């Protein structure tokens, strides 16, 4: 994996994490938190989109997929925190 790929992954993670933070709570989780949530969300989103037979095409599709996964991640973490 070259540096360009890593930077793209981090950028998509940051955008997706920030969007998920805004959607779920009205604010982000800080730069590092947004990146971590976004990258984990990208994995979850890719899995969920695969189950539905969808593919994230292009940069916008990857951001949407990662954001959906990050929203699901935040939702599940909030459920576990209440329990």
C-alpha atoms as a PDB file:
ATOM      1  CA  UNK A   1       0.000   0.000   0.000  1.00  0.00           C
ATOM      2  CA  UNK A   2       1.525   3.294  -1.039  1.00  0.00           C
ATOM      3  CA  UNK A   3       1.277   6.644   0.739  1.00  0.00           C
ATOM      4  CA  UNK A   4      -1.364   7.960  -1.677  1.00  0.00           C
ATOM      5  CA  UNK A   5      -3.717   5.073  -0.866  1.00  0.00           C
ATOM      6  CA  UNK A   6      -3.218   5.592   2.860  1.00  0.00           C
ATOM      7  CA  UNK A   7      -3.949   9.316   2.540  1.00  0.00           C
ATOM      8  CA  UNK A   8      -7.133   8.610   0.563  1.00  0.00           C
ATOM      9  CA  UNK A   9      -8.298   6.111   3.207  1.00  0.00           C
ATOM     10  CA  UNK A  10      -7.624   8.626   5.985  1.00  0.00           C
ATOM     11  CA  UNK A  11      -9.400  11.424   4.061  1.00  0.00           C
ATOM     12  CA  UNK A  12     -12.472   9.282   3.371  1.00  0.00           C
ATOM     13  CA  UNK A  13     -12.472   8.161   7.018  1.00  0.00           C
ATOM     14  CA  UNK A  14     -12.295  11.755   8.240  1.00  0.00           C
ATOM     15  CA  UNK A  15     -15.142  12.927   6.004  1.00  0.00           C
ATOM     16  CA  UNK A  16     -17.333   9.901   6.748  1.00  0.00           C
ATOM     17  CA  UNK A  17     -16.689  10.091  10.492  1.00  0.00           C
ATOM     18  CA  UNK A  18     -17.476  13.798  10.562  1.00  0.00           C
ATOM     19  CA  UNK A  19     -20.681  13.311   8.556  1.00  0.00           C
ATOM     20  CA  UNK A  20     -21.783  10.465  10.833  1.00  0.00           C
ATOM     21  CA  UNK A  21     -21.051  12.589  13.889  1.00  0.00           C
ATOM     22  CA  UNK A  22     -23.142  15.428  12.508  1.00  0.00           C
ATOM     23  CA  UNK A  23     -25.983  13.073  11.556  1.00  0.00           C
ATOM     24  CA  UNK A  24     -26.033  11.246  14.890  1.00  0.00           C
ATOM     25  CA  UNK A  25     -25.240  13.905  17.461  1.00  0.00           C
ATOM     26  CA  UNK A  26     -24.917  17.295  15.809  1.00  0.00           C
ATOM     27  CA  UNK A  27     -21.117  17.527  16.004  1.00  0.00           C
ATOM     28  CA  UNK A  28     -18.021  15.536  15.136  1.00  0.00           C
ATOM     29  CA  UNK A  29     -15.719  13.595  17.466  1.00  0.00           C
ATOM     30  CA  UNK A  30     -12.508  15.495  16.797  1.00  0.00           C
ATOM     31  CA  UNK A  31     -10.185  14.797  13.902  1.00  0.00           C
ATOM     32  CA  UNK A  32      -8.707  11.549  15.225  1.00  0.00           C
ATOM     33  CA  UNK A  33     -12.082  10.246  16.425  1.00  0.00           C
ATOM     34  CA  UNK A  34     -13.692  11.073  13.080  1.00  0.00           C
ATOM     35  CA  UNK A  35     -10.940   9.256  11.189  1.00  0.00           C
ATOM     36  CA  UNK A  36     -11.172   6.124  13.359  1.00  0.00           C
ATOM     37  CA  UNK A  37     -14.981   6.025  13.240  1.00  0.00           C
ATOM     38  CA  UNK A  38     -14.926   6.656   9.484  1.00  0.00           C
ATOM     39  CA  UNK A  39     -12.389   3.918   8.725  1.00  0.00           C
ATOM     40  CA  UNK A  40     -14.209   1.345  10.867  1.00  0.00           C
ATOM     41  CA  UNK A  41     -17.463   2.596   9.358  1.00  0.00           C
ATOM     42  CA  UNK A  42     -16.058   2.026   5.871  1.00  0.00           C
ATOM     43  CA  UNK A  43     -15.474  -1.630   6.695  1.00  0.00           C
ATOM     44  CA  UNK A  44     -18.970  -1.980   8.154  1.00  0.00           C
ATOM     45  CA  UNK A  45     -20.541  -0.062   5.264  1.00  0.00           C
ATOM     46  CA  UNK A  46     -18.726  -2.180   2.698  1.00  0.00           C
ATOM     47  CA  UNK A  47     -19.985  -5.327   4.411  1.00  0.00           C
ATOM     48  CA  UNK A  48     -23.569  -4.055   4.620  1.00  0.00           C
ATOM     49  CA  UNK A  49     -23.581  -2.811   1.021  1.00  0.00           C
ATOM     50  CA  UNK A  50     -22.221  -6.211  -0.059  1.00  0.00           C
ATOM     51  CA  UNK A  51     -25.054  -7.983   1.749  1.00  0.00           C
ATOM     52  CA  UNK A  52     -27.527  -5.824  -0.161  1.00  0.00           C
ATOM     53  CA  UNK A  53     -25.793  -6.462  -3.468  1.00  0.00           C
ATOM     54  CA  UNK A  54     -24.700  -2.827  -3.815  1.00  0.00           C
ATOM     55  CA  UNK A  55     -21.265  -1.516  -4.701  1.00  0.00           C
ATOM     56  CA  UNK A  56     -19.689   1.780  -3.689  1.00  0.00           C
ATOM     57  CA  UNK A  57     -18.517   3.227  -7.004  1.00  0.00           C
ATOM     58  CA  UNK A  58     -16.208   6.215  -7.060  1.00  0.00           C
ATOM     59  CA  UNK A  59     -15.170   8.569  -4.311  1.00  0.00           C
ATOM     60  CA  UNK A  60     -18.703   9.755  -3.496  1.00  0.00           C
ATOM     61  CA  UNK A  61     -19.953   6.156  -3.329  1.00  0.00           C
ATOM     62  CA  UNK A  62     -17.151   5.240  -0.943  1.00  0.00           C
ATOM     63  CA  UNK A  63     -17.913   8.231   1.269  1.00  0.00           C
ATOM     64  CA  UNK A  64     -21.615   7.314   1.330  1.00  0.00           C
ATOM     65  CA  UNK A  65     -20.825   3.691   2.160  1.00  0.00           C
ATOM     66  CA  UNK A  66     -18.390   4.682   4.912  1.00  0.00           C
ATOM     67  CA  UNK A  67     -20.848   7.212   6.336  1.00  0.00           C
ATOM     68  CA  UNK A  68     -23.660   4.639   6.479  1.00  0.00           C
ATOM     69  CA  UNK A  69     -21.313   2.219   8.224  1.00  0.00           C
ATOM     70  CA  UNK A  70     -20.155   4.904  10.667  1.00  0.00           C
ATOM     71  CA  UNK A  71     -23.765   5.828  11.502  1.00  0.00           C
ATOM     72  CA  UNK A  72     -24.492   2.149  12.200  1.00  0.00           C
ATOM     73  CA  UNK A  73     -21.347   1.940  14.343  1.00  0.00           C
ATOM     74  CA  UNK A  74     -22.307   4.989  16.410  1.00  0.00           C
ATOM     75  CA  UNK A  75     -25.853   3.653  16.815  1.00  0.00           C
ATOM     76  CA  UNK A  76     -24.605   0.270  18.066  1.00  0.00           C
ATOM     77  CA  UNK A  77     -22.053   1.888  20.394  1.00  0.00           C
ATOM     78  CA  UNK A  78     -24.792   4.045  21.923  1.00  0.00           C
ATOM     79  CA  UNK A  79     -26.982   0.971  22.434  1.00  0.00           C
ATOM     80  CA  UNK A  80     -24.119  -0.846  24.173  1.00  0.00           C
ATOM     81  CA  UNK A  81     -23.332   2.209  26.305  1.00  0.00           C
ATOM     82  CA  UNK A  82     -26.921   2.298  27.629  1.00  0.00           C
ATOM     83  CA  UNK A  83     -26.856  -1.388  28.555  1.00  0.00           C
END
